[in-house]
Amino acid sequence: MERGRFFQRRRVCRFCHDKVAIDYKDVGLIRNFLTERGRIIPRRMSGNCLGHQRELTIAIKRARTIALVAFAEER
């Protein structure tokens, strides 16, 4: 007996679809791509394209440097 195959729907890059600019000062947007521990969510989970994931990573690191976002959450 053959099992049905599992197909997962491909995630669409939110930034490409909505034409949203990535800005390190937009803390609300940046927090959507961080875990509760403060780690950056990987591209395969967030669904971002490569270019926007790189821009997002740079924006998160800039926001951390000027203390808009915490480096790590307290336990």
PDB file of N, CA and C in Angstrom:
ATOM      1  N   MET A   1       0.841  -1.172   0.000  1.00  0.00           N
ATOM      2  CA  MET A   1       0.000   0.000   0.000  1.00  0.00           C
ATOM      3  C   MET A   1       0.894   1.245   0.000  1.00  0.00           C
ATOM      4  N   GLU A   2       0.573   2.182  -0.874  1.00  0.00           N
ATOM      5  CA  GLU A   2       1.395   3.369  -1.012  1.00  0.00           C
ATOM      6  C   GLU A   2       0.816   4.517  -0.187  1.00  0.00           C
ATOM      7  N   ARG A   3       1.695   5.196   0.497  1.00  0.00           N
ATOM      8  CA  ARG A   3       1.271   6.330   1.320  1.00  0.00           C
ATOM      9  C   ARG A   3       1.208   7.594   0.483  1.00  0.00           C
ATOM     10  N   GLY A   4       0.323   8.485   0.882  1.00  0.00           N
ATOM     11  CA  GLY A   4       0.256   9.783   0.208  1.00  0.00           C
ATOM     12  C   GLY A   4       1.470  10.627   0.557  1.00  0.00           C
ATOM     13  N   ARG A   5       1.884  11.438  -0.349  1.00  0.00           N
ATOM     14  CA  ARG A   5       3.048  12.295  -0.097  1.00  0.00           C
ATOM     15  C   ARG A   5       2.622  13.556   0.621  1.00  0.00           C
ATOM     16  N   PHE A   6       3.524  14.051   1.435  1.00  0.00           N
ATOM     17  CA  PHE A   6       3.249  15.262   2.210  1.00  0.00           C
ATOM     18  C   PHE A   6       3.866  16.451   1.502  1.00  0.00           C
ATOM     19  N   PHE A   7       3.043  17.396   1.097  1.00  0.00           N
ATOM     20  CA  PHE A   7       3.531  18.593   0.438  1.00  0.00           C
ATOM     21  C   PHE A   7       3.270  19.787   1.342  1.00  0.00           C
ATOM     22  N   GLN A   8       4.317  20.525   1.605  1.00  0.00           N
ATOM     23  CA  GLN A   8       4.169  21.724   2.415  1.00  0.00           C
ATOM     24  C   GLN A   8       4.133  22.935   1.486  1.00  0.00           C
ATOM     25  N   ARG A   9       3.225  23.831   1.776  1.00  0.00           N
ATOM     26  CA  ARG A   9       3.089  25.020   0.948  1.00  0.00           C
ATOM     27  C   ARG A   9       4.320  25.911   1.100  1.00  0.00           C
ATOM     28  N   ARG A  10       4.832  26.388  -0.008  1.00  0.00           N
ATOM     29  CA  ARG A  10       6.025  27.226   0.014  1.00  0.00           C
ATOM     30  C   ARG A  10       5.681  28.596   0.601  1.00  0.00           C
ATOM     31  N   ARG A  11       6.511  29.051   1.535  1.00  0.00           N
ATOM     32  CA  ARG A  11       6.301  30.362   2.126  1.00  0.00           C
ATOM     33  C   ARG A  11       6.783  31.435   1.156  1.00  0.00           C
ATOM     34  N   VAL A  12       6.058  32.506   1.112  1.00  0.00           N
ATOM     35  CA  VAL A  12       6.408  33.617   0.224  1.00  0.00           C
ATOM     36  C   VAL A  12       7.134  34.669   1.045  1.00  0.00           C
ATOM     37  N   CYS A  13       8.159  35.262   0.460  1.00  0.00           N
ATOM     38  CA  CYS A  13       8.900  36.309   1.153  1.00  0.00           C
ATOM     39  C   CYS A  13       7.971  37.492   1.411  1.00  0.00           C
ATOM     40  N   ARG A  14       7.827  37.831   2.667  1.00  0.00           N
ATOM     41  CA  ARG A  14       6.920  38.896   3.078  1.00  0.00           C
ATOM     42  C   ARG A  14       7.353  40.254   2.523  1.00  0.00           C
ATOM     43  N   PHE A  15       8.639  40.458   2.440  1.00  0.00           N
ATOM     44  CA  PHE A  15       9.168  41.739   1.981  1.00  0.00           C
ATOM     45  C   PHE A  15       9.010  41.900   0.469  1.00  0.00           C
ATOM     46  N   CYS A  16       9.157  40.820  -0.282  1.00  0.00           N
ATOM     47  CA  CYS A  16       8.957  40.887  -1.729  1.00  0.00           C
ATOM     48  C   CYS A  16       7.472  41.063  -2.054  1.00  0.00           C
ATOM     49  N   HIS A  17       6.636  40.342  -1.339  1.00  0.00           N
ATOM     50  CA  HIS A  17       5.201  40.358  -1.631  1.00  0.00           C
ATOM     51  C   HIS A  17       4.558  41.697  -1.285  1.00  0.00           C
ATOM     52  N   ASP A  18       4.860  42.239  -0.110  1.00  0.00           N
ATOM     53  CA  ASP A  18       4.229  43.479   0.351  1.00  0.00           C
ATOM     54  C   ASP A  18       5.024  44.732   0.018  1.00  0.00           C
ATOM     55  N   LYS A  19       6.218  44.571  -0.569  1.00  0.00           N
ATOM     56  CA  LYS A  19       7.097  45.693  -0.902  1.00  0.00           C
ATOM     57  C   LYS A  19       7.402  46.547   0.335  1.00  0.00           C
ATOM     58  N   VAL A  20       7.733  45.858   1.449  1.00  0.00           N
ATOM     59  CA  VAL A  20       8.046  46.532   2.709  1.00  0.00           C
ATOM     60  C   VAL A  20       9.550  46.736   2.795  1.00  0.00           C
ATOM     61  N   ALA A  21       9.962  47.915   3.205  1.00  0.00           N
ATOM     62  CA  ALA A  21      11.393  48.192   3.383  1.00  0.00           C
ATOM     63  C   ALA A  21      11.827  47.729   4.776  1.00  0.00           C
ATOM     64  N   ILE A  22      13.039  47.219   4.855  1.00  0.00           N
ATOM     65  CA  ILE A  22      13.591  46.775   6.132  1.00  0.00           C
ATOM     66  C   ILE A  22      14.375  47.928   6.732  1.00  0.00           C
ATOM     67  N   ASP A  23      14.015  48.314   7.960  1.00  0.00           N
ATOM     68  CA  ASP A  23      14.670  49.419   8.635  1.00  0.00           C
ATOM     69  C   ASP A  23      15.023  48.986  10.043  1.00  0.00           C
ATOM     70  N   TYR A  24      16.248  49.253  10.460  1.00  0.00           N
ATOM     71  CA  TYR A  24      16.686  48.822  11.783  1.00  0.00           C
ATOM     72  C   TYR A  24      15.950  49.545  12.899  1.00  0.00           C
ATOM     73  N   LYS A  25      15.311  50.677  12.597  1.00  0.00           N
ATOM     74  CA  LYS A  25      14.583  51.434  13.624  1.00  0.00           C
ATOM     75  C   LYS A  25      13.162  50.913  13.837  1.00  0.00           C
ATOM     76  N   ASP A  26      12.693  50.042  12.954  1.00  0.00           N
ATOM     77  CA  ASP A  26      11.350  49.471  13.059  1.00  0.00           C
ATOM     78  C   ASP A  26      11.404  48.223  13.946  1.00  0.00           C
ATOM     79  N   VAL A  27      11.350  48.450  15.250  1.00  0.00           N
ATOM     80  CA  VAL A  27      11.530  47.371  16.225  1.00  0.00           C
ATOM     81  C   VAL A  27      10.389  46.358  16.156  1.00  0.00           C
ATOM     82  N   GLY A  28       9.178  46.816  15.890  1.00  0.00           N
ATOM     83  CA  GLY A  28       8.040  45.911  15.805  1.00  0.00           C
ATOM     84  C   GLY A  28       8.202  44.872  14.709  1.00  0.00           C
ATOM     85  N   LEU A  29       8.708  45.303  13.560  1.00  0.00           N
ATOM     86  CA  LEU A  29       8.949  44.394  12.444  1.00  0.00           C
ATOM     87  C   LEU A  29      10.089  43.439  12.761  1.00  0.00           C
ATOM     88  N   ILE A  30      11.143  43.956  13.337  1.00  0.00           N
ATOM     89  CA  ILE A  30      12.328  43.146  13.628  1.00  0.00           C
ATOM     90  C   ILE A  30      12.026  42.054  14.657  1.00  0.00           C
ATOM     91  N   ARG A  31      11.202  42.357  15.648  1.00  0.00           N
ATOM     92  CA  ARG A  31      10.898  41.366  16.693  1.00  0.00           C
ATOM     93  C   ARG A  31      10.133  40.163  16.167  1.00  0.00           C
ATOM     94  N   ASN A  32       9.456  40.319  15.031  1.00  0.00           N
ATOM     95  CA  ASN A  32       8.763  39.175  14.420  1.00  0.00           C
ATOM     96  C   ASN A  32       9.743  38.118  13.926  1.00  0.00           C
ATOM     97  N   PHE A  33      10.981  38.499  13.707  1.00  0.00           N
ATOM     98  CA  PHE A  33      11.977  37.581  13.170  1.00  0.00           C
ATOM     99  C   PHE A  33      13.017  37.179  14.211  1.00  0.00           C
ATOM    100  N   LEU A  34      12.684  37.358  15.487  1.00  0.00           N
ATOM    101  CA  LEU A  34      13.531  36.918  16.594  1.00  0.00           C
ATOM    102  C   LEU A  34      12.760  35.922  17.445  1.00  0.00           C
ATOM    103  N   THR A  35      13.470  34.958  18.008  1.00  0.00           N
ATOM    104  CA  THR A  35      12.829  34.044  18.943  1.00  0.00           C
ATOM    105  C   THR A  35      12.674  34.745  20.288  1.00  0.00           C
ATOM    106  N   GLU A  36      11.990  34.107  21.211  1.00  0.00           N
ATOM    107  CA  GLU A  36      11.827  34.708  22.532  1.00  0.00           C
ATOM    108  C   GLU A  36      13.154  34.791  23.283  1.00  0.00           C
ATOM    109  N   ARG A  37      14.127  34.011  22.854  1.00  0.00           N
ATOM    110  CA  ARG A  37      15.464  34.083  23.451  1.00  0.00           C
ATOM    111  C   ARG A  37      16.346  35.129  22.785  1.00  0.00           C
ATOM    112  N   GLY A  38      15.874  35.729  21.700  1.00  0.00           N
ATOM    113  CA  GLY A  38      16.623  36.783  21.037  1.00  0.00           C
ATOM    114  C   GLY A  38      17.451  36.327  19.848  1.00  0.00           C
ATOM    115  N   ARG A  39      17.257  35.098  19.414  1.00  0.00           N
ATOM    116  CA  ARG A  39      18.009  34.596  18.269  1.00  0.00           C
ATOM    117  C   ARG A  39      17.270  34.886  16.974  1.00  0.00           C
ATOM    118  N   ILE A  40      18.013  35.034  15.887  1.00  0.00           N
ATOM    119  CA  ILE A  40      17.432  35.330  14.576  1.00  0.00           C
ATOM    120  C   ILE A  40      16.822  34.050  14.001  1.00  0.00           C
ATOM    121  N   ILE A  41      15.575  34.152  13.537  1.00  0.00           N
ATOM    122  CA  ILE A  41      14.898  32.998  12.949  1.00  0.00           C
ATOM    123  C   ILE A  41      15.503  32.727  11.572  1.00  0.00           C
ATOM    124  N   PRO A  42      15.858  31.471  11.280  1.00  0.00           N
ATOM    125  CA  PRO A  42      16.495  31.164  10.001  1.00  0.00           C
ATOM    126  C   PRO A  42      15.551  31.323   8.816  1.00  0.00           C
ATOM    127  N   ARG A  43      16.147  31.420   7.668  1.00  0.00           N
ATOM    128  CA  ARG A  43      15.416  31.663   6.430  1.00  0.00           C
ATOM    129  C   ARG A  43      14.431  30.545   6.105  1.00  0.00           C
ATOM    130  N   ARG A  44      14.791  29.309   6.378  1.00  0.00           N
ATOM    131  CA  ARG A  44      13.909  28.186   6.048  1.00  0.00           C
ATOM    132  C   ARG A  44      12.642  28.191   6.892  1.00  0.00           C
ATOM    133  N   MET A  45      12.689  28.852   8.058  1.00  0.00           N
ATOM    134  CA  MET A  45      11.507  28.938   8.913  1.00  0.00           C
ATOM    135  C   MET A  45      10.698  30.204   8.634  1.00  0.00           C
ATOM    136  N   SER A  46      11.372  31.304   8.371  1.00  0.00           N
ATOM    137  CA  SER A  46      10.670  32.570   8.171  1.00  0.00           C
ATOM    138  C   SER A  46      10.109  32.698   6.758  1.00  0.00           C
ATOM    139  N   GLY A  47      10.739  32.023   5.780  1.00  0.00           N
ATOM    140  CA  GLY A  47      10.265  32.089   4.404  1.00  0.00           C
ATOM    141  C   GLY A  47      10.801  33.270   3.625  1.00  0.00           C
ATOM    142  N   ASN A  48      11.769  33.982   4.163  1.00  0.00           N
ATOM    143  CA  ASN A  48      12.343  35.127   3.459  1.00  0.00           C
ATOM    144  C   ASN A  48      13.229  34.664   2.317  1.00  0.00           C
ATOM    145  N   CYS A  49      13.362  35.521   1.308  1.00  0.00           N
ATOM    146  CA  CYS A  49      14.314  35.233   0.243  1.00  0.00           C
ATOM    147  C   CYS A  49      15.719  35.565   0.758  1.00  0.00           C
ATOM    148  N   LEU A  50      16.716  35.144   0.029  1.00  0.00           N
ATOM    149  CA  LEU A  50      18.092  35.296   0.489  1.00  0.00           C
ATOM    150  C   LEU A  50      18.494  36.754   0.690  1.00  0.00           C
ATOM    151  N   GLY A  51      18.149  37.593  -0.257  1.00  0.00           N
ATOM    152  CA  GLY A  51      18.534  39.003  -0.164  1.00  0.00           C
ATOM    153  C   GLY A  51      17.886  39.702   1.014  1.00  0.00           C
ATOM    154  N   HIS A  52      16.603  39.453   1.221  1.00  0.00           N
ATOM    155  CA  HIS A  52      15.912  40.097   2.334  1.00  0.00           C
ATOM    156  C   HIS A  52      16.335  39.512   3.677  1.00  0.00           C
ATOM    157  N   GLN A  53      16.685  38.221   3.722  1.00  0.00           N
ATOM    158  CA  GLN A  53      17.166  37.644   4.976  1.00  0.00           C
ATOM    159  C   GLN A  53      18.498  38.286   5.374  1.00  0.00           C
ATOM    160  N   ARG A  54      19.351  38.543   4.396  1.00  0.00           N
ATOM    161  CA  ARG A  54      20.629  39.204   4.694  1.00  0.00           C
ATOM    162  C   ARG A  54      20.417  40.631   5.166  1.00  0.00           C
ATOM    163  N   GLU A  55      19.506  41.359   4.507  1.00  0.00           N
ATOM    164  CA  GLU A  55      19.191  42.723   4.941  1.00  0.00           C
ATOM    165  C   GLU A  55      18.616  42.728   6.349  1.00  0.00           C
ATOM    166  N   LEU A  56      17.739  41.771   6.621  1.00  0.00           N
ATOM    167  CA  LEU A  56      17.110  41.659   7.934  1.00  0.00           C
ATOM    168  C   LEU A  56      18.146  41.362   9.016  1.00  0.00           C
ATOM    169  N   THR A  57      19.089  40.482   8.718  1.00  0.00           N
ATOM    170  CA  THR A  57      20.142  40.140   9.678  1.00  0.00           C
ATOM    171  C   THR A  57      20.988  41.364  10.010  1.00  0.00           C
ATOM    172  N   ILE A  58      21.340  42.130   9.011  1.00  0.00           N
ATOM    173  CA  ILE A  58      22.131  43.348   9.227  1.00  0.00           C
ATOM    174  C   ILE A  58      21.332  44.354  10.047  1.00  0.00           C
ATOM    175  N   ALA A  59      20.033  44.488   9.740  1.00  0.00           N
ATOM    176  CA  ALA A  59      19.182  45.418  10.495  1.00  0.00           C
ATOM    177  C   ALA A  59      19.062  44.998  11.953  1.00  0.00           C
ATOM    178  N   ILE A  60      18.937  43.699  12.212  1.00  0.00           N
ATOM    179  CA  ILE A  60      18.847  43.201  13.590  1.00  0.00           C
ATOM    180  C   ILE A  60      20.140  43.492  14.340  1.00  0.00           C
ATOM    181  N   LYS A  61      21.262  43.260  13.697  1.00  0.00           N
ATOM    182  CA  LYS A  61      22.549  43.506  14.347  1.00  0.00           C
ATOM    183  C   LYS A  61      22.767  44.987  14.627  1.00  0.00           C
ATOM    184  N   ARG A  62      22.314  45.848  13.725  1.00  0.00           N
ATOM    185  CA  ARG A  62      22.406  47.292  13.966  1.00  0.00           C
ATOM    186  C   ARG A  62      21.516  47.701  15.125  1.00  0.00           C
ATOM    187  N   ALA A  63      20.299  47.155  15.169  1.00  0.00           N
ATOM    188  CA  ALA A  63      19.371  47.479  16.255  1.00  0.00           C
ATOM    189  C   ALA A  63      19.913  46.988  17.593  1.00  0.00           C
ATOM    190  N   ARG A  64      20.595  45.870  17.607  1.00  0.00           N
ATOM    191  CA  ARG A  64      21.213  45.368  18.840  1.00  0.00           C
ATOM    192  C   ARG A  64      22.327  46.296  19.295  1.00  0.00           C
ATOM    193  N   THR A  65      23.127  46.774  18.341  1.00  0.00           N
ATOM    194  CA  THR A  65      24.268  47.622  18.667  1.00  0.00           C
ATOM    195  C   THR A  65      23.841  48.919  19.339  1.00  0.00           C
ATOM    196  N   ILE A  66      22.742  49.515  18.883  1.00  0.00           N
ATOM    197  CA  ILE A  66      22.305  50.772  19.502  1.00  0.00           C
ATOM    198  C   ILE A  66      21.194  50.545  20.534  1.00  0.00           C
ATOM    199  N   ALA A  67      21.070  49.305  20.997  1.00  0.00           N
ATOM    200  CA  ALA A  67      20.213  48.909  22.127  1.00  0.00           C
ATOM    201  C   ALA A  67      18.715  49.109  21.875  1.00  0.00           C
ATOM    202  N   LEU A  68      18.279  48.959  20.626  1.00  0.00           N
ATOM    203  CA  LEU A  68      16.843  48.949  20.358  1.00  0.00           C
ATOM    204  C   LEU A  68      16.258  47.565  20.626  1.00  0.00           C
ATOM    205  N   VAL A  69      17.093  46.546  20.406  1.00  0.00           N
ATOM    206  CA  VAL A  69      16.702  45.159  20.630  1.00  0.00           C
ATOM    207  C   VAL A  69      17.769  44.528  21.516  1.00  0.00           C
ATOM    208  N   ALA A  70      17.349  43.673  22.436  1.00  0.00           N
ATOM    209  CA  ALA A  70      18.300  43.023  23.341  1.00  0.00           C
ATOM    210  C   ALA A  70      19.104  41.953  22.599  1.00  0.00           C
ATOM    211  N   PHE A  71      20.340  41.747  23.029  1.00  0.00           N
ATOM    212  CA  PHE A  71      21.158  40.687  22.464  1.00  0.00           C
ATOM    213  C   PHE A  71      20.605  39.327  22.837  1.00  0.00           C
ATOM    214  N   ALA A  72      20.226  39.168  24.099  1.00  0.00           N
ATOM    215  CA  ALA A  72      19.650  37.919  24.585  1.00  0.00           C
ATOM    216  C   ALA A  72      18.706  38.227  25.722  1.00  0.00           C
ATOM    217  N   GLU A  73      17.670  37.428  25.837  1.00  0.00           N
ATOM    218  CA  GLU A  73      16.704  37.623  26.913  1.00  0.00           C
ATOM    219  C   GLU A  73      17.208  36.971  28.199  1.00  0.00           C
ATOM    220  N   GLU A  74      16.769  37.497  29.314  1.00  0.00           N
ATOM    221  CA  GLU A  74      17.110  36.918  30.617  1.00  0.00           C
ATOM    222  C   GLU A  74      16.374  35.612  30.805  1.00  0.00           C
ATOM    223  N   ARG A  75      16.962  34.706  31.571  1.00  0.00           N
ATOM    224  CA  ARG A  75      16.302  33.429  31.845  1.00  0.00           C
ATOM    225  C   ARG A  75      15.307  33.538  32.945  1.00  0.00           C
TER     226      ARG A  75
END
